[in-house]
Amino acid sequence: HSALLVSDPWHSLRARTMARDAGLPSWTSP
């Protein structure tokens, strides 16, 4: 029900936006 997304720093906002839009509550740790 929750995820921490790991990517590069500049990718964080778009990845989090996409994950939440897909129905997965997410935060980021670049």
PDB file of all heavy atoms in Angstrom:
ATOM      1  N   HIS A   1       0.804  -1.218   0.000  1.00  0.00           N
ATOM      2  CA  HIS A   1       0.000   0.000   0.000  1.00  0.00           C
ATOM      3  C   HIS A   1       0.840   1.273   0.000  1.00  0.00           C
ATOM      4  O   HIS A   1       0.279   2.373  -0.034  1.00  0.00           O
ATOM      5  CB  HIS A   1      -0.925   0.010   1.218  1.00  0.00           C
ATOM      6  CG  HIS A   1      -1.846  -1.163   1.280  1.00  0.00           C
ATOM      7  ND1 HIS A   1      -2.865  -1.359   0.367  1.00  0.00           N
ATOM      8  CD2 HIS A   1      -1.888  -2.227   2.132  1.00  0.00           C
ATOM      9  CE1 HIS A   1      -3.506  -2.480   0.660  1.00  0.00           C
ATOM     10  NE2 HIS A   1      -2.932  -3.025   1.720  1.00  0.00           N
ATOM     11  N   SER A   2       2.165   1.144   0.031  1.00  0.00           N
ATOM     12  CA  SER A   2       3.023   2.320   0.014  1.00  0.00           C
ATOM     13  C   SER A   2       4.369   1.945  -0.577  1.00  0.00           C
ATOM     14  O   SER A   2       4.820   0.803  -0.456  1.00  0.00           O
ATOM     15  CB  SER A   2       3.200   2.884   1.428  1.00  0.00           C
ATOM     16  OG  SER A   2       3.761   1.909   2.294  1.00  0.00           O
ATOM     17  N   ALA A   3       5.009   2.924  -1.217  1.00  0.00           N
ATOM     18  CA  ALA A   3       6.286   2.651  -1.882  1.00  0.00           C
ATOM     19  C   ALA A   3       7.233   3.830  -1.728  1.00  0.00           C
ATOM     20  O   ALA A   3       6.810   4.986  -1.628  1.00  0.00           O
ATOM     21  CB  ALA A   3       6.062   2.360  -3.366  1.00  0.00           C
ATOM     22  N   LEU A   4       8.524   3.517  -1.709  1.00  0.00           N
ATOM     23  CA  LEU A   4       9.572   4.530  -1.754  1.00  0.00           C
ATOM     24  C   LEU A   4      10.289   4.341  -3.088  1.00  0.00           C
ATOM     25  O   LEU A   4      10.827   3.266  -3.365  1.00  0.00           O
ATOM     26  CB  LEU A   4      10.540   4.357  -0.592  1.00  0.00           C
ATOM     27  CG  LEU A   4      11.539   5.493  -0.368  1.00  0.00           C
ATOM     28  CD1 LEU A   4      10.822   6.785   0.020  1.00  0.00           C
ATOM     29  CD2 LEU A   4      12.542   5.112   0.725  1.00  0.00           C
ATOM     30  N   LEU A   5      10.271   5.363  -3.919  1.00  0.00           N
ATOM     31  CA  LEU A   5      10.840   5.274  -5.260  1.00  0.00           C
ATOM     32  C   LEU A   5      12.301   5.699  -5.242  1.00  0.00           C
ATOM     33  O   LEU A   5      12.646   6.744  -4.696  1.00  0.00           O
ATOM     34  CB  LEU A   5      10.071   6.169  -6.229  1.00  0.00           C
ATOM     35  CG  LEU A   5       8.552   5.988  -6.274  1.00  0.00           C
ATOM     36  CD1 LEU A   5       7.940   6.962  -7.270  1.00  0.00           C
ATOM     37  CD2 LEU A   5       8.176   4.553  -6.620  1.00  0.00           C
ATOM     38  N   VAL A   6      13.140   4.893  -5.863  1.00  0.00           N
ATOM     39  CA  VAL A   6      14.562   5.206  -5.970  1.00  0.00           C
ATOM     40  C   VAL A   6      14.897   5.465  -7.429  1.00  0.00           C
ATOM     41  O   VAL A   6      14.696   4.604  -8.290  1.00  0.00           O
ATOM     42  CB  VAL A   6      15.431   4.049  -5.432  1.00  0.00           C
ATOM     43  CG1 VAL A   6      16.900   4.315  -5.737  1.00  0.00           C
ATOM     44  CG2 VAL A   6      15.210   3.870  -3.940  1.00  0.00           C
ATOM     45  N   SER A   7      15.379   6.653  -7.702  1.00  0.00           N
ATOM     46  CA  SER A   7      15.847   7.027  -9.030  1.00  0.00           C
ATOM     47  C   SER A   7      16.861   8.143  -8.852  1.00  0.00           C
ATOM     48  O   SER A   7      17.358   8.377  -7.750  1.00  0.00           O
ATOM     49  CB  SER A   7      14.676   7.454  -9.920  1.00  0.00           C
ATOM     50  OG  SER A   7      15.113   7.602 -11.262  1.00  0.00           O
ATOM     51  N   ASP A   8      17.157   8.837  -9.929  1.00  0.00           N
ATOM     52  CA  ASP A   8      18.054   9.977  -9.826  1.00  0.00           C
ATOM     53  C   ASP A   8      17.281  11.200  -9.354  1.00  0.00           C
ATOM     54  O   ASP A   8      16.064  11.280  -9.540  1.00  0.00           O
ATOM     55  CB  ASP A   8      18.712  10.230 -11.179  1.00  0.00           C
ATOM     56  CG  ASP A   8      19.430   8.991 -11.682  1.00  0.00           C
ATOM     57  OD1 ASP A   8      20.255   8.449 -10.920  1.00  0.00           O
ATOM     58  OD2 ASP A   8      19.151   8.552 -12.801  1.00  0.00           O
ATOM     59  N   PRO A   9      17.942  12.165  -8.744  1.00  0.00           N
ATOM     60  CA  PRO A   9      17.221  13.278  -8.118  1.00  0.00           C
ATOM     61  C   PRO A   9      16.242  13.988  -9.039  1.00  0.00           C
ATOM     62  O   PRO A   9      15.103  14.261  -8.655  1.00  0.00           O
ATOM     63  CB  PRO A   9      18.355  14.219  -7.684  1.00  0.00           C
ATOM     64  CG  PRO A   9      19.527  13.324  -7.469  1.00  0.00           C
ATOM     65  CD  PRO A   9      19.405  12.264  -8.518  1.00  0.00           C
ATOM     66  N   TRP A  10      16.656  14.262 -10.259  1.00  0.00           N
ATOM     67  CA  TRP A  10      15.834  15.062 -11.174  1.00  0.00           C
ATOM     68  C   TRP A  10      14.613  14.298 -11.666  1.00  0.00           C
ATOM     69  O   TRP A  10      13.671  14.896 -12.189  1.00  0.00           O
ATOM     70  CB  TRP A  10      16.705  15.524 -12.346  1.00  0.00           C
ATOM     71  CG  TRP A  10      18.119  15.670 -11.919  1.00  0.00           C
ATOM     72  CD1 TRP A  10      19.191  14.907 -12.299  1.00  0.00           C
ATOM     73  CD2 TRP A  10      18.631  16.594 -10.955  1.00  0.00           C
ATOM     74  NE1 TRP A  10      20.330  15.303 -11.637  1.00  0.00           N
ATOM     75  CE2 TRP A  10      20.021  16.337 -10.809  1.00  0.00           C
ATOM     76  CE3 TRP A  10      18.059  17.619 -10.198  1.00  0.00           C
ATOM     77  CZ2 TRP A  10      20.830  17.061  -9.946  1.00  0.00           C
ATOM     78  CZ3 TRP A  10      18.868  18.332  -9.337  1.00  0.00           C
ATOM     79  CH2 TRP A  10      20.235  18.052  -9.217  1.00  0.00           C
ATOM     80  N   HIS A  11      14.621  13.009 -11.501  1.00  0.00           N
ATOM     81  CA  HIS A  11      13.532  12.138 -11.935  1.00  0.00           C
ATOM     82  C   HIS A  11      12.447  12.013 -10.864  1.00  0.00           C
ATOM     83  O   HIS A  11      11.355  11.510 -11.124  1.00  0.00           O
ATOM     84  CB  HIS A  11      14.132  10.754 -12.232  1.00  0.00           C
ATOM     85  CG  HIS A  11      13.272   9.851 -13.033  1.00  0.00           C
ATOM     86  ND1 HIS A  11      13.497   8.484 -13.082  1.00  0.00           N
ATOM     87  CD2 HIS A  11      12.201  10.051 -13.813  1.00  0.00           C
ATOM     88  CE1 HIS A  11      12.602   7.911 -13.854  1.00  0.00           C
ATOM     89  NE2 HIS A  11      11.800   8.852 -14.315  1.00  0.00           N
ATOM     90  N   SER A  12      12.739  12.464  -9.661  1.00  0.00           N
ATOM     91  CA  SER A  12      11.892  12.163  -8.509  1.00  0.00           C
ATOM     92  C   SER A  12      10.465  12.674  -8.652  1.00  0.00           C
ATOM     93  O   SER A  12       9.501  11.942  -8.409  1.00  0.00           O
ATOM     94  CB  SER A  12      12.513  12.747  -7.228  1.00  0.00           C
ATOM     95  OG  SER A  12      13.701  12.095  -6.898  1.00  0.00           O
ATOM     96  N   LEU A  13      10.299  13.940  -9.019  1.00  0.00           N
ATOM     97  CA  LEU A  13       8.962  14.526  -9.050  1.00  0.00           C
ATOM     98  C   LEU A  13       8.074  13.844 -10.077  1.00  0.00           C
ATOM     99  O   LEU A  13       6.923  13.508  -9.787  1.00  0.00           O
ATOM    100  CB  LEU A  13       9.048  16.026  -9.344  1.00  0.00           C
ATOM    101  CG  LEU A  13       7.710  16.768  -9.422  1.00  0.00           C
ATOM    102  CD1 LEU A  13       6.923  16.630  -8.127  1.00  0.00           C
ATOM    103  CD2 LEU A  13       7.940  18.245  -9.755  1.00  0.00           C
ATOM    104  N   ARG A  14       8.596  13.598 -11.265  1.00  0.00           N
ATOM    105  CA  ARG A  14       7.780  12.964 -12.298  1.00  0.00           C
ATOM    106  C   ARG A  14       7.440  11.523 -11.915  1.00  0.00           C
ATOM    107  O   ARG A  14       6.299  11.072 -12.099  1.00  0.00           O
ATOM    108  CB  ARG A  14       8.493  13.009 -13.645  1.00  0.00           C
ATOM    109  CG  ARG A  14       7.659  12.443 -14.798  1.00  0.00           C
ATOM    110  CD  ARG A  14       8.169  12.927 -16.145  1.00  0.00           C
ATOM    111  NE  ARG A  14       9.535  12.519 -16.403  1.00  0.00           N
ATOM    112  CZ  ARG A  14       9.844  11.467 -17.172  1.00  0.00           C
ATOM    113  NH1 ARG A  14       8.891  10.724 -17.721  1.00  0.00           N
ATOM    114  NH2 ARG A  14      11.107  11.162 -17.386  1.00  0.00           N
ATOM    115  N   ALA A  15       8.422  10.785 -11.380  1.00  0.00           N
ATOM    116  CA  ALA A  15       8.158   9.403 -10.985  1.00  0.00           C
ATOM    117  C   ALA A  15       7.097   9.345  -9.887  1.00  0.00           C
ATOM    118  O   ALA A  15       6.168   8.515  -9.949  1.00  0.00           O
ATOM    119  CB  ALA A  15       9.451   8.742 -10.514  1.00  0.00           C
ATOM    120  N   ARG A  16       7.220  10.209  -8.891  1.00  0.00           N
ATOM    121  CA  ARG A  16       6.222  10.209  -7.810  1.00  0.00           C
ATOM    122  C   ARG A  16       4.839  10.574  -8.330  1.00  0.00           C
ATOM    123  O   ARG A  16       3.832   9.965  -7.942  1.00  0.00           O
ATOM    124  CB  ARG A  16       6.642  11.201  -6.727  1.00  0.00           C
ATOM    125  CG  ARG A  16       5.781  11.137  -5.470  1.00  0.00           C
ATOM    126  CD  ARG A  16       6.097  12.284  -4.533  1.00  0.00           C
ATOM    127  NE  ARG A  16       5.642  13.555  -5.087  1.00  0.00           N
ATOM    128  CZ  ARG A  16       5.909  14.738  -4.535  1.00  0.00           C
ATOM    129  NH1 ARG A  16       6.644  14.809  -3.437  1.00  0.00           N
ATOM    130  NH2 ARG A  16       5.452  15.843  -5.084  1.00  0.00           N
ATOM    131  N   THR A  17       4.772  11.553  -9.213  1.00  0.00           N
ATOM    132  CA  THR A  17       3.486  11.952  -9.793  1.00  0.00           C
ATOM    133  C   THR A  17       2.854  10.796 -10.540  1.00  0.00           C
ATOM    134  O   THR A  17       1.653  10.522 -10.392  1.00  0.00           O
ATOM    135  CB  THR A  17       3.688  13.145 -10.748  1.00  0.00           C
ATOM    136  OG1 THR A  17       4.269  14.242 -10.027  1.00  0.00           O
ATOM    137  CG2 THR A  17       2.371  13.597 -11.351  1.00  0.00           C
ATOM    138  N   MET A  18       3.635  10.099 -11.339  1.00  0.00           N
ATOM    139  CA  MET A  18       3.112   8.968 -12.110  1.00  0.00           C
ATOM    140  C   MET A  18       2.656   7.838 -11.200  1.00  0.00           C
ATOM    141  O   MET A  18       1.607   7.225 -11.434  1.00  0.00           O
ATOM    142  CB  MET A  18       4.179   8.466 -13.083  1.00  0.00           C
ATOM    143  CG  MET A  18       4.454   9.396 -14.248  1.00  0.00           C
ATOM    144  SD  MET A  18       5.801   8.767 -15.292  1.00  0.00           S
ATOM    145  CE  MET A  18       5.676   9.876 -16.702  1.00  0.00           C
ATOM    146  N   ALA A  19       3.440   7.532 -10.177  1.00  0.00           N
ATOM    147  CA  ALA A  19       3.077   6.438  -9.273  1.00  0.00           C
ATOM    148  C   ALA A  19       1.774   6.740  -8.552  1.00  0.00           C
ATOM    149  O   ALA A  19       0.886   5.868  -8.448  1.00  0.00           O
ATOM    150  CB  ALA A  19       4.197   6.192  -8.266  1.00  0.00           C
ATOM    151  N   ARG A  20       1.627   7.950  -8.057  1.00  0.00           N
ATOM    152  CA  ARG A  20       0.395   8.308  -7.355  1.00  0.00           C
ATOM    153  C   ARG A  20      -0.798   8.309  -8.305  1.00  0.00           C
ATOM    154  O   ARG A  20      -1.892   7.891  -7.929  1.00  0.00           O
ATOM    155  CB  ARG A  20       0.568   9.663  -6.676  1.00  0.00           C
ATOM    156  CG  ARG A  20       1.555   9.595  -5.507  1.00  0.00           C
ATOM    157  CD  ARG A  20       1.706  10.946  -4.812  1.00  0.00           C
ATOM    158  NE  ARG A  20       2.604  10.849  -3.662  1.00  0.00           N
ATOM    159  CZ  ARG A  20       2.917  11.859  -2.864  1.00  0.00           C
ATOM    160  NH1 ARG A  20       2.408  13.073  -3.094  1.00  0.00           N
ATOM    161  NH2 ARG A  20       3.743  11.692  -1.835  1.00  0.00           N
ATOM    162  N   ASP A  21      -0.590   8.775  -9.534  1.00  0.00           N
ATOM    163  CA  ASP A  21      -1.672   8.736 -10.522  1.00  0.00           C
ATOM    164  C   ASP A  21      -2.088   7.302 -10.828  1.00  0.00           C
ATOM    165  O   ASP A  21      -3.249   7.046 -11.167  1.00  0.00           O
ATOM    166  CB  ASP A  21      -1.252   9.433 -11.812  1.00  0.00           C
ATOM    167  CG  ASP A  21      -1.226  10.952 -11.679  1.00  0.00           C
ATOM    168  OD1 ASP A  21      -1.682  11.472 -10.636  1.00  0.00           O
ATOM    169  OD2 ASP A  21      -0.754  11.614 -12.625  1.00  0.00           O
ATOM    170  N   ALA A  22      -1.145   6.371 -10.727  1.00  0.00           N
ATOM    171  CA  ALA A  22      -1.443   4.956 -10.976  1.00  0.00           C
ATOM    172  C   ALA A  22      -2.098   4.288  -9.774  1.00  0.00           C
ATOM    173  O   ALA A  22      -2.478   3.116  -9.843  1.00  0.00           O
ATOM    174  CB  ALA A  22      -0.169   4.207 -11.352  1.00  0.00           C
ATOM    175  N   GLY A  23      -2.242   5.007  -8.668  1.00  0.00           N
ATOM    176  CA  GLY A  23      -2.920   4.470  -7.494  1.00  0.00           C
ATOM    177  C   GLY A  23      -2.001   3.910  -6.434  1.00  0.00           C
ATOM    178  O   GLY A  23      -2.476   3.241  -5.510  1.00  0.00           O
ATOM    179  N   LEU A  24      -0.687   4.183  -6.537  1.00  0.00           N
ATOM    180  CA  LEU A  24       0.266   3.679  -5.550  1.00  0.00           C
ATOM    181  C   LEU A  24       0.825   4.851  -4.745  1.00  0.00           C
ATOM    182  O   LEU A  24       1.629   5.632  -5.258  1.00  0.00           O
ATOM    183  CB  LEU A  24       1.408   2.937  -6.247  1.00  0.00           C
ATOM    184  CG  LEU A  24       2.487   2.339  -5.337  1.00  0.00           C
ATOM    185  CD1 LEU A  24       1.891   1.308  -4.380  1.00  0.00           C
ATOM    186  CD2 LEU A  24       3.600   1.718  -6.175  1.00  0.00           C
ATOM    187  N   PRO A  25       0.405   5.014  -3.486  1.00  0.00           N
ATOM    188  CA  PRO A  25       0.951   6.092  -2.655  1.00  0.00           C
ATOM    189  C   PRO A  25       2.476   5.958  -2.551  1.00  0.00           C
ATOM    190  O   PRO A  25       2.981   4.913  -2.147  1.00  0.00           O
ATOM    191  CB  PRO A  25       0.266   5.872  -1.305  1.00  0.00           C
ATOM    192  CG  PRO A  25      -1.004   5.135  -1.633  1.00  0.00           C
ATOM    193  CD  PRO A  25      -0.645   4.233  -2.781  1.00  0.00           C
ATOM    194  N   SER A  26       3.182   7.004  -2.931  1.00  0.00           N
ATOM    195  CA  SER A  26       4.638   6.901  -3.060  1.00  0.00           C
ATOM    196  C   SER A  26       5.342   8.151  -2.564  1.00  0.00           C
ATOM    197  O   SER A  26       4.781   9.257  -2.602  1.00  0.00           O
ATOM    198  CB  SER A  26       5.019   6.668  -4.529  1.00  0.00           C
ATOM    199  OG  SER A  26       4.456   5.487  -5.030  1.00  0.00           O
ATOM    200  N   TRP A  27       6.600   7.932  -2.135  1.00  0.00           N
ATOM    201  CA  TRP A  27       7.512   9.002  -1.774  1.00  0.00           C
ATOM    202  C   TRP A  27       8.825   8.713  -2.474  1.00  0.00           C
ATOM    203  O   TRP A  27       8.958   7.690  -3.150  1.00  0.00           O
ATOM    204  CB  TRP A  27       7.686   9.072  -0.264  1.00  0.00           C
ATOM    205  CG  TRP A  27       6.409   9.457   0.422  1.00  0.00           C
ATOM    206  CD1 TRP A  27       6.029  10.713   0.809  1.00  0.00           C
ATOM    207  CD2 TRP A  27       5.318   8.591   0.791  1.00  0.00           C
ATOM    208  NE1 TRP A  27       4.770  10.683   1.373  1.00  0.00           N
ATOM    209  CE2 TRP A  27       4.311   9.401   1.381  1.00  0.00           C
ATOM    210  CE3 TRP A  27       5.078   7.225   0.662  1.00  0.00           C
ATOM    211  CZ2 TRP A  27       3.111   8.879   1.844  1.00  0.00           C
ATOM    212  CZ3 TRP A  27       3.876   6.702   1.127  1.00  0.00           C
ATOM    213  CH2 TRP A  27       2.914   7.527   1.717  1.00  0.00           C
ATOM    214  N   THR A  28       9.803   9.595  -2.340  1.00  0.00           N
ATOM    215  CA  THR A  28      11.036   9.418  -3.099  1.00  0.00           C
ATOM    216  C   THR A  28      12.266   9.489  -2.205  1.00  0.00           C
ATOM    217  O   THR A  28      12.307  10.238  -1.232  1.00  0.00           O
ATOM    218  CB  THR A  28      11.170  10.495  -4.195  1.00  0.00           C
ATOM    219  OG1 THR A  28      11.121  11.800  -3.599  1.00  0.00           O
ATOM    220  CG2 THR A  28      10.037  10.370  -5.214  1.00  0.00           C
ATOM    221  N   SER A  29      13.260   8.706  -2.566  1.00  0.00           N
ATOM    222  CA  SER A  29      14.579   8.750  -1.931  1.00  0.00           C
ATOM    223  C   SER A  29      15.607   8.661  -3.054  1.00  0.00           C
ATOM    224  O   SER A  29      16.017   7.572  -3.459  1.00  0.00           O
ATOM    225  CB  SER A  29      14.755   7.596  -0.944  1.00  0.00           C
ATOM    226  OG  SER A  29      16.037   7.649  -0.332  1.00  0.00           O
ATOM    227  N   PRO A  30      16.017   9.805  -3.602  1.00  0.00           N
ATOM    228  CA  PRO A  30      16.905   9.783  -4.774  1.00  0.00           C
ATOM    229  C   PRO A  30      18.334   9.409  -4.432  1.00  0.00           C
ATOM    230  O   PRO A  30      18.787   9.565  -3.300  1.00  0.00           O
ATOM    231  CB  PRO A  30      16.822  11.223  -5.287  1.00  0.00           C
ATOM    232  CG  PRO A  30      16.502  12.034  -4.081  1.00  0.00           C
ATOM    233  CD  PRO A  30      15.623  11.168  -3.224  1.00  0.00           C
TER     234      PRO A  30
END
